Amino acid sequence: EVQLQASGGGLVQPRGSLRLSCAAYGFSLNNYDMS
């Protein structure tokens, strides 16, 4: 299935840091800009 799935969110304190991930399924990222 062609889809994008974001993960990594949650509760974080002010001034804190977090890293989000976006995984692609069913297609190649090579020819796509991403936002």
PDB file of all heavy atoms in Angstrom:
ATOM      1  N   GLU A   1       0.839  -1.177   0.000  1.00  0.00           N
ATOM      2  CA  GLU A   1       0.000   0.000   0.000  1.00  0.00           C
ATOM      3  C   GLU A   1       0.886   1.243   0.000  1.00  0.00           C
ATOM      4  O   GLU A   1       1.855   1.321   0.744  1.00  0.00           O
ATOM      5  CB  GLU A   1      -0.906   0.000   1.227  1.00  0.00           C
ATOM      6  CG  GLU A   1      -1.821   1.188   1.334  1.00  0.00           C
ATOM      7  CD  GLU A   1      -2.723   1.119   2.547  1.00  0.00           C
ATOM      8  OE1 GLU A   1      -2.752   0.058   3.213  1.00  0.00           O
ATOM      9  OE2 GLU A   1      -3.398   2.119   2.835  1.00  0.00           O
ATOM     10  N   VAL A   2       0.549   2.207  -0.810  1.00  0.00           N
ATOM     11  CA  VAL A   2       1.290   3.460  -0.884  1.00  0.00           C
ATOM     12  C   VAL A   2       0.831   4.363   0.247  1.00  0.00           C
ATOM     13  O   VAL A   2      -0.339   4.756   0.300  1.00  0.00           O
ATOM     14  CB  VAL A   2       1.081   4.146  -2.237  1.00  0.00           C
ATOM     15  CG1 VAL A   2       1.761   5.511  -2.255  1.00  0.00           C
ATOM     16  CG2 VAL A   2       1.616   3.263  -3.353  1.00  0.00           C
ATOM     17  N   GLN A   3       1.740   4.695   1.138  1.00  0.00           N
ATOM     18  CA  GLN A   3       1.366   5.530   2.260  1.00  0.00           C
ATOM     19  C   GLN A   3       2.592   6.133   2.926  1.00  0.00           C
ATOM     20  O   GLN A   3       3.727   5.687   2.713  1.00  0.00           O
ATOM     21  CB  GLN A   3       0.562   4.740   3.295  1.00  0.00           C
ATOM     22  CG  GLN A   3       1.308   3.565   3.903  1.00  0.00           C
ATOM     23  CD  GLN A   3       0.484   2.847   4.951  1.00  0.00           C
ATOM     24  OE1 GLN A   3      -0.039   3.472   5.886  1.00  0.00           O
ATOM     25  NE2 GLN A   3       0.364   1.538   4.807  1.00  0.00           N
ATOM     26  N   LEU A   4       2.335   7.146   3.733  1.00  0.00           N
ATOM     27  CA  LEU A   4       3.321   7.759   4.598  1.00  0.00           C
ATOM     28  C   LEU A   4       2.826   7.651   6.028  1.00  0.00           C
ATOM     29  O   LEU A   4       1.640   7.873   6.293  1.00  0.00           O
ATOM     30  CB  LEU A   4       3.526   9.235   4.248  1.00  0.00           C
ATOM     31  CG  LEU A   4       4.140   9.542   2.882  1.00  0.00           C
ATOM     32  CD1 LEU A   4       3.983  11.020   2.553  1.00  0.00           C
ATOM     33  CD2 LEU A   4       5.613   9.141   2.863  1.00  0.00           C
ATOM     34  N   GLN A   5       3.726   7.330   6.925  1.00  0.00           N
ATOM     35  CA  GLN A   5       3.372   7.202   8.330  1.00  0.00           C
ATOM     36  C   GLN A   5       4.349   7.993   9.190  1.00  0.00           C
ATOM     37  O   GLN A   5       5.549   7.733   9.168  1.00  0.00           O
ATOM     38  CB  GLN A   5       3.362   5.741   8.765  1.00  0.00           C
ATOM     39  CG  GLN A   5       2.255   4.922   8.138  1.00  0.00           C
ATOM     40  CD  GLN A   5       2.186   3.517   8.694  1.00  0.00           C
ATOM     41  OE1 GLN A   5       3.121   3.025   9.311  1.00  0.00           O
ATOM     42  NE2 GLN A   5       1.063   2.854   8.463  1.00  0.00           N
ATOM     43  N   ALA A   6       3.816   8.935   9.941  1.00  0.00           N
ATOM     44  CA  ALA A   6       4.625   9.723  10.856  1.00  0.00           C
ATOM     45  C   ALA A   6       4.579   9.106  12.246  1.00  0.00           C
ATOM     46  O   ALA A   6       3.562   8.550  12.665  1.00  0.00           O
ATOM     47  CB  ALA A   6       4.129  11.166  10.900  1.00  0.00           C
ATOM     48  N   SER A   7       5.680   9.242  12.962  1.00  0.00           N
ATOM     49  CA  SER A   7       5.767   8.721  14.312  1.00  0.00           C
ATOM     50  C   SER A   7       6.770   9.546  15.105  1.00  0.00           C
ATOM     51  O   SER A   7       7.484  10.375  14.558  1.00  0.00           O
ATOM     52  CB  SER A   7       6.185   7.251  14.310  1.00  0.00           C
ATOM     53  OG  SER A   7       7.461   7.080  13.727  1.00  0.00           O
ATOM     54  N   GLY A   8       6.819   9.304  16.396  1.00  0.00           N
ATOM     55  CA  GLY A   8       7.785   9.971  17.251  1.00  0.00           C
ATOM     56  C   GLY A   8       7.228  11.087  18.101  1.00  0.00           C
ATOM     57  O   GLY A   8       7.961  11.667  18.907  1.00  0.00           O
ATOM     58  N   GLY A   9       5.961  11.393  17.944  1.00  0.00           N
ATOM     59  CA  GLY A   9       5.367  12.436  18.749  1.00  0.00           C
ATOM     60  C   GLY A   9       5.154  11.988  20.180  1.00  0.00           C
ATOM     61  O   GLY A   9       5.363  10.830  20.541  1.00  0.00           O
ATOM     62  N   GLY A  10       4.750  12.927  20.997  1.00  0.00           N
ATOM     63  CA  GLY A  10       4.506  12.642  22.388  1.00  0.00           C
ATOM     64  C   GLY A  10       4.524  13.902  23.207  1.00  0.00           C
ATOM     65  O   GLY A  10       4.491  15.016  22.674  1.00  0.00           O
ATOM     66  N   LEU A  11       4.594  13.725  24.504  1.00  0.00           N
ATOM     67  CA  LEU A  11       4.631  14.840  25.435  1.00  0.00           C
ATOM     68  C   LEU A  11       6.074  15.231  25.713  1.00  0.00           C
ATOM     69  O   LEU A  11       6.899  14.379  26.065  1.00  0.00           O
ATOM     70  CB  LEU A  11       3.932  14.468  26.740  1.00  0.00           C
ATOM     71  CG  LEU A  11       3.933  15.512  27.853  1.00  0.00           C
ATOM     72  CD1 LEU A  11       3.160  16.752  27.421  1.00  0.00           C
ATOM     73  CD2 LEU A  11       3.341  14.924  29.121  1.00  0.00           C
ATOM     74  N   VAL A  12       6.372  16.502  25.560  1.00  0.00           N
ATOM     75  CA  VAL A  12       7.716  17.006  25.806  1.00  0.00           C
ATOM     76  C   VAL A  12       7.614  18.331  26.552  1.00  0.00           C
ATOM     77  O   VAL A  12       6.679  19.110  26.337  1.00  0.00           O
ATOM     78  CB  VAL A  12       8.501  17.160  24.485  1.00  0.00           C
ATOM     79  CG1 VAL A  12       7.826  18.170  23.558  1.00  0.00           C
ATOM     80  CG2 VAL A  12       9.948  17.542  24.747  1.00  0.00           C
ATOM     81  N   GLN A  13       8.560  18.575  27.430  1.00  0.00           N
ATOM     82  CA  GLN A  13       8.559  19.816  28.194  1.00  0.00           C
ATOM     83  C   GLN A  13       9.044  20.989  27.355  1.00  0.00           C
ATOM     84  O   GLN A  13       9.800  20.807  26.403  1.00  0.00           O
ATOM     85  CB  GLN A  13       9.449  19.672  29.430  1.00  0.00           C
ATOM     86  CG  GLN A  13       8.958  18.648  30.430  1.00  0.00           C
ATOM     87  CD  GLN A  13       9.779  18.651  31.703  1.00  0.00           C
ATOM     88  OE1 GLN A  13      10.259  19.689  32.149  1.00  0.00           O
ATOM     89  NE2 GLN A  13       9.926  17.489  32.299  1.00  0.00           N
ATOM     90  N   PRO A  14       8.614  22.189  27.697  1.00  0.00           N
ATOM     91  CA  PRO A  14       9.171  23.366  27.025  1.00  0.00           C
ATOM     92  C   PRO A  14      10.692  23.367  27.086  1.00  0.00           C
ATOM     93  O   PRO A  14      11.285  22.950  28.089  1.00  0.00           O
ATOM     94  CB  PRO A  14       8.575  24.533  27.809  1.00  0.00           C
ATOM     95  CG  PRO A  14       7.293  23.991  28.360  1.00  0.00           C
ATOM     96  CD  PRO A  14       7.588  22.546  28.684  1.00  0.00           C
ATOM     97  N   ARG A  15      11.307  23.831  26.023  1.00  0.00           N
ATOM     98  CA  ARG A  15      12.759  23.847  25.824  1.00  0.00           C
ATOM     99  C   ARG A  15      13.327  22.476  25.490  1.00  0.00           C
ATOM    100  O   ARG A  15      14.531  22.354  25.243  1.00  0.00           O
ATOM    101  CB  ARG A  15      13.498  24.434  27.023  1.00  0.00           C
ATOM    102  CG  ARG A  15      13.065  25.859  27.374  1.00  0.00           C
ATOM    103  CD  ARG A  15      13.695  26.334  28.674  1.00  0.00           C
ATOM    104  NE  ARG A  15      13.423  25.432  29.786  1.00  0.00           N
ATOM    105  CZ  ARG A  15      12.294  25.404  30.472  1.00  0.00           C
ATOM    106  NH1 ARG A  15      11.306  26.239  30.154  1.00  0.00           N
ATOM    107  NH2 ARG A  15      12.144  24.546  31.468  1.00  0.00           N
ATOM    108  N   GLY A  16      12.490  21.480  25.442  1.00  0.00           N
ATOM    109  CA  GLY A  16      12.934  20.140  25.127  1.00  0.00           C
ATOM    110  C   GLY A  16      13.086  19.908  23.639  1.00  0.00           C
ATOM    111  O   GLY A  16      12.853  20.790  22.806  1.00  0.00           O
ATOM    112  N   SER A  17      13.487  18.693  23.301  1.00  0.00           N
ATOM    113  CA  SER A  17      13.737  18.307  21.916  1.00  0.00           C
ATOM    114  C   SER A  17      12.990  17.034  21.581  1.00  0.00           C
ATOM    115  O   SER A  17      12.680  16.214  22.455  1.00  0.00           O
ATOM    116  CB  SER A  17      15.239  18.096  21.675  1.00  0.00           C
ATOM    117  OG  SER A  17      15.973  19.282  21.909  1.00  0.00           O
ATOM    118  N   LEU A  18      12.741  16.863  20.308  1.00  0.00           N
ATOM    119  CA  LEU A  18      12.033  15.692  19.833  1.00  0.00           C
ATOM    120  C   LEU A  18      12.413  15.448  18.387  1.00  0.00           C
ATOM    121  O   LEU A  18      12.643  16.400  17.638  1.00  0.00           O
ATOM    122  CB  LEU A  18      10.530  15.914  19.957  1.00  0.00           C
ATOM    123  CG  LEU A  18       9.606  14.698  20.066  1.00  0.00           C
ATOM    124  CD1 LEU A  18       9.918  13.885  21.306  1.00  0.00           C
ATOM    125  CD2 LEU A  18       8.158  15.153  20.081  1.00  0.00           C
ATOM    126  N   ARG A  19      12.462  14.194  17.987  1.00  0.00           N
ATOM    127  CA  ARG A  19      12.700  13.844  16.598  1.00  0.00           C
ATOM    128  C   ARG A  19      11.529  13.044  16.065  1.00  0.00           C
ATOM    129  O   ARG A  19      11.185  12.001  16.620  1.00  0.00           O
ATOM    130  CB  ARG A  19      13.990  13.040  16.421  1.00  0.00           C
ATOM    131  CG  ARG A  19      14.321  12.794  14.942  1.00  0.00           C
ATOM    132  CD  ARG A  19      15.598  12.019  14.724  1.00  0.00           C
ATOM    133  NE  ARG A  19      15.420  10.597  14.985  1.00  0.00           N
ATOM    134  CZ  ARG A  19      16.245   9.648  14.544  1.00  0.00           C
ATOM    135  NH1 ARG A  19      17.318   9.987  13.832  1.00  0.00           N
ATOM    136  NH2 ARG A  19      16.016   8.374  14.843  1.00  0.00           N
ATOM    137  N   LEU A  20      10.948  13.545  15.005  1.00  0.00           N
ATOM    138  CA  LEU A  20       9.863  12.859  14.336  1.00  0.00           C
ATOM    139  C   LEU A  20      10.395  12.100  13.128  1.00  0.00           C
ATOM    140  O   LEU A  20      11.364  12.514  12.494  1.00  0.00           O
ATOM    141  CB  LEU A  20       8.794  13.848  13.875  1.00  0.00           C
ATOM    142  CG  LEU A  20       8.225  14.791  14.940  1.00  0.00           C
ATOM    143  CD1 LEU A  20       7.155  15.681  14.325  1.00  0.00           C
ATOM    144  CD2 LEU A  20       7.675  14.009  16.123  1.00  0.00           C
ATOM    145  N   SER A  21       9.738  11.005  12.815  1.00  0.00           N
ATOM    146  CA  SER A  21      10.104  10.206  11.657  1.00  0.00           C
ATOM    147  C   SER A  21       8.909  10.057  10.735  1.00  0.00           C
ATOM    148  O   SER A  21       7.768  10.003  11.189  1.00  0.00           O
ATOM    149  CB  SER A  21      10.588   8.817  12.079  1.00  0.00           C
ATOM    150  OG  SER A  21      11.750   8.888  12.870  1.00  0.00           O
ATOM    151  N   CYS A  22       9.186   9.982   9.462  1.00  0.00           N
ATOM    152  CA  CYS A  22       8.173   9.720   8.453  1.00  0.00           C
ATOM    153  C   CYS A  22       8.682   8.576   7.591  1.00  0.00           C
ATOM    154  O   CYS A  22       9.746   8.688   6.970  1.00  0.00           O
ATOM    155  CB  CYS A  22       7.920  10.971   7.608  1.00  0.00           C
ATOM    156  SG  CYS A  22       6.802  10.723   6.217  1.00  0.00           S
ATOM    157  N   ALA A  23       7.943   7.495   7.566  1.00  0.00           N
ATOM    158  CA  ALA A  23       8.329   6.324   6.800  1.00  0.00           C
ATOM    159  C   ALA A  23       7.452   6.183   5.569  1.00  0.00           C
ATOM    160  O   ALA A  23       6.230   6.330   5.654  1.00  0.00           O
ATOM    161  CB  ALA A  23       8.228   5.065   7.656  1.00  0.00           C
ATOM    162  N   ALA A  24       8.075   5.905   4.442  1.00  0.00           N
ATOM    163  CA  ALA A  24       7.360   5.720   3.187  1.00  0.00           C
ATOM    164  C   ALA A  24       7.190   4.238   2.906  1.00  0.00           C
ATOM    165  O   ALA A  24       8.118   3.446   3.084  1.00  0.00           O
ATOM    166  CB  ALA A  24       8.107   6.393   2.041  1.00  0.00           C
ATOM    167  N   TYR A  25       6.010   3.889   2.440  1.00  0.00           N
ATOM    168  CA  TYR A  25       5.710   2.511   2.086  1.00  0.00           C
ATOM    169  C   TYR A  25       5.128   2.454   0.688  1.00  0.00           C
ATOM    170  O   TYR A  25       4.299   3.276   0.318  1.00  0.00           O
ATOM    171  CB  TYR A  25       4.713   1.900   3.079  1.00  0.00           C
ATOM    172  CG  TYR A  25       5.235   1.818   4.489  1.00  0.00           C
ATOM    173  CD1 TYR A  25       5.031   2.864   5.378  1.00  0.00           C
ATOM    174  CD2 TYR A  25       5.936   0.704   4.916  1.00  0.00           C
ATOM    175  CE1 TYR A  25       5.517   2.799   6.665  1.00  0.00           C
ATOM    176  CE2 TYR A  25       6.424   0.629   6.207  1.00  0.00           C
ATOM    177  CZ  TYR A  25       6.209   1.678   7.082  1.00  0.00           C
ATOM    178  OH  TYR A  25       6.691   1.614   8.363  1.00  0.00           O
ATOM    179  N   GLY A  26       5.580   1.485  -0.087  1.00  0.00           N
ATOM    180  CA  GLY A  26       5.002   1.232  -1.390  1.00  0.00           C
ATOM    181  C   GLY A  26       5.518   2.091  -2.525  1.00  0.00           C
ATOM    182  O   GLY A  26       5.009   1.988  -3.647  1.00  0.00           O
ATOM    183  N   PHE A  27       6.499   2.932  -2.267  1.00  0.00           N
ATOM    184  CA  PHE A  27       7.081   3.756  -3.328  1.00  0.00           C
ATOM    185  C   PHE A  27       8.470   4.216  -2.916  1.00  0.00           C
ATOM    186  O   PHE A  27       8.832   4.142  -1.739  1.00  0.00           O
ATOM    187  CB  PHE A  27       6.186   4.963  -3.646  1.00  0.00           C
ATOM    188  CG  PHE A  27       6.128   5.991  -2.558  1.00  0.00           C
ATOM    189  CD1 PHE A  27       6.936   7.118  -2.611  1.00  0.00           C
ATOM    190  CD2 PHE A  27       5.270   5.841  -1.488  1.00  0.00           C
ATOM    191  CE1 PHE A  27       6.883   8.075  -1.608  1.00  0.00           C
ATOM    192  CE2 PHE A  27       5.208   6.787  -0.481  1.00  0.00           C
ATOM    193  CZ  PHE A  27       6.021   7.903  -0.540  1.00  0.00           C
ATOM    194  N   SER A  28       9.215   4.703  -3.870  1.00  0.00           N
ATOM    195  CA  SER A  28      10.553   5.215  -3.624  1.00  0.00           C
ATOM    196  C   SER A  28      10.513   6.709  -3.354  1.00  0.00           C
ATOM    197  O   SER A  28       9.752   7.440  -3.989  1.00  0.00           O
ATOM    198  CB  SER A  28      11.460   4.933  -4.824  1.00  0.00           C
ATOM    199  OG  SER A  28      12.719   5.562  -4.666  1.00  0.00           O
ATOM    200  N   LEU A  29      11.353   7.165  -2.443  1.00  0.00           N
ATOM    201  CA  LEU A  29      11.448   8.591  -2.144  1.00  0.00           C
ATOM    202  C   LEU A  29      12.320   9.350  -3.138  1.00  0.00           C
ATOM    203  O   LEU A  29      12.358  10.580  -3.090  1.00  0.00           O
ATOM    204  CB  LEU A  29      12.018   8.803  -0.743  1.00  0.00           C
ATOM    205  CG  LEU A  29      11.117   8.503   0.454  1.00  0.00           C
ATOM    206  CD1 LEU A  29      11.895   8.730   1.743  1.00  0.00           C
ATOM    207  CD2 LEU A  29       9.875   9.371   0.428  1.00  0.00           C
ATOM    208  N   ASN A  30      12.982   8.654  -4.018  1.00  0.00           N
ATOM    209  CA  ASN A  30      14.025   9.260  -4.844  1.00  0.00           C
ATOM    210  C   ASN A  30      13.552  10.431  -5.693  1.00  0.00           C
ATOM    211  O   ASN A  30      14.345  11.335  -5.979  1.00  0.00           O
ATOM    212  CB  ASN A  30      14.660   8.209  -5.749  1.00  0.00           C
ATOM    213  CG  ASN A  30      15.482   7.199  -4.977  1.00  0.00           C
ATOM    214  OD1 ASN A  30      15.835   7.410  -3.822  1.00  0.00           O
ATOM    215  ND2 ASN A  30      15.801   6.083  -5.630  1.00  0.00           N
ATOM    216  N   ASN A  31      12.306  10.415  -6.114  1.00  0.00           N
ATOM    217  CA  ASN A  31      11.804  11.444  -7.018  1.00  0.00           C
ATOM    218  C   ASN A  31      10.804  12.384  -6.364  1.00  0.00           C
ATOM    219  O   ASN A  31      10.024  13.031  -7.057  1.00  0.00           O
ATOM    220  CB  ASN A  31      11.182  10.800  -8.256  1.00  0.00           C
ATOM    221  CG  ASN A  31      12.173   9.975  -9.038  1.00  0.00           C
ATOM    222  OD1 ASN A  31      12.031   8.762  -9.172  1.00  0.00           O
ATOM    223  ND2 ASN A  31      13.203  10.636  -9.559  1.00  0.00           N
ATOM    224  N   TYR A  32      10.854  12.479  -5.047  1.00  0.00           N
ATOM    225  CA  TYR A  32       9.891  13.293  -4.337  1.00  0.00           C
ATOM    226  C   TYR A  32      10.557  14.269  -3.383  1.00  0.00           C
ATOM    227  O   TYR A  32      11.425  13.892  -2.581  1.00  0.00           O
ATOM    228  CB  TYR A  32       8.911  12.421  -3.552  1.00  0.00           C
ATOM    229  CG  TYR A  32       7.998  11.614  -4.432  1.00  0.00           C
ATOM    230  CD1 TYR A  32       8.287  10.293  -4.734  1.00  0.00           C
ATOM    231  CD2 TYR A  32       6.852  12.181  -4.970  1.00  0.00           C
ATOM    232  CE1 TYR A  32       7.451   9.554  -5.554  1.00  0.00           C
ATOM    233  CE2 TYR A  32       6.012  11.447  -5.791  1.00  0.00           C
ATOM    234  CZ  TYR A  32       6.318  10.141  -6.073  1.00  0.00           C
ATOM    235  OH  TYR A  32       5.486   9.408  -6.889  1.00  0.00           O
ATOM    236  N   ASP A  33      10.136  15.513  -3.484  1.00  0.00           N
ATOM    237  CA  ASP A  33      10.392  16.468  -2.425  1.00  0.00           C
ATOM    238  C   ASP A  33       9.475  16.117  -1.257  1.00  0.00           C
ATOM    239  O   ASP A  33       8.412  15.526  -1.447  1.00  0.00           O
ATOM    240  CB  ASP A  33      10.096  17.893  -2.890  1.00  0.00           C
ATOM    241  CG  ASP A  33      10.857  18.293  -4.129  1.00  0.00           C
ATOM    242  OD1 ASP A  33      11.983  17.792  -4.330  1.00  0.00           O
ATOM    243  OD2 ASP A  33      10.335  19.126  -4.897  1.00  0.00           O
ATOM    244  N   MET A  34       9.892  16.507  -0.067  1.00  0.00           N
ATOM    245  CA  MET A  34       9.097  16.186   1.118  1.00  0.00           C
ATOM    246  C   MET A  34       8.972  17.402   2.016  1.00  0.00           C
ATOM    247  O   MET A  34       9.896  18.202   2.124  1.00  0.00           O
ATOM    248  CB  MET A  34       9.735  15.039   1.907  1.00  0.00           C
ATOM    249  CG  MET A  34       9.865  13.730   1.148  1.00  0.00           C
ATOM    250  SD  MET A  34       8.260  12.957   0.799  1.00  0.00           S
ATOM    251  CE  MET A  34       7.728  12.508   2.451  1.00  0.00           C
ATOM    252  N   SER A  35       7.837  17.506   2.654  1.00  0.00           N
ATOM    253  CA  SER A  35       7.619  18.568   3.627  1.00  0.00           C
ATOM    254  C   SER A  35       6.983  18.014   4.883  1.00  0.00           C
ATOM    255  O   SER A  35       6.310  16.976   4.855  1.00  0.00           O
ATOM    256  CB  SER A  35       6.713  19.674   3.065  1.00  0.00           C
ATOM    257  OG  SER A  35       7.441  20.614   2.306  1.00  0.00           O
TER     258      SER A  35
END
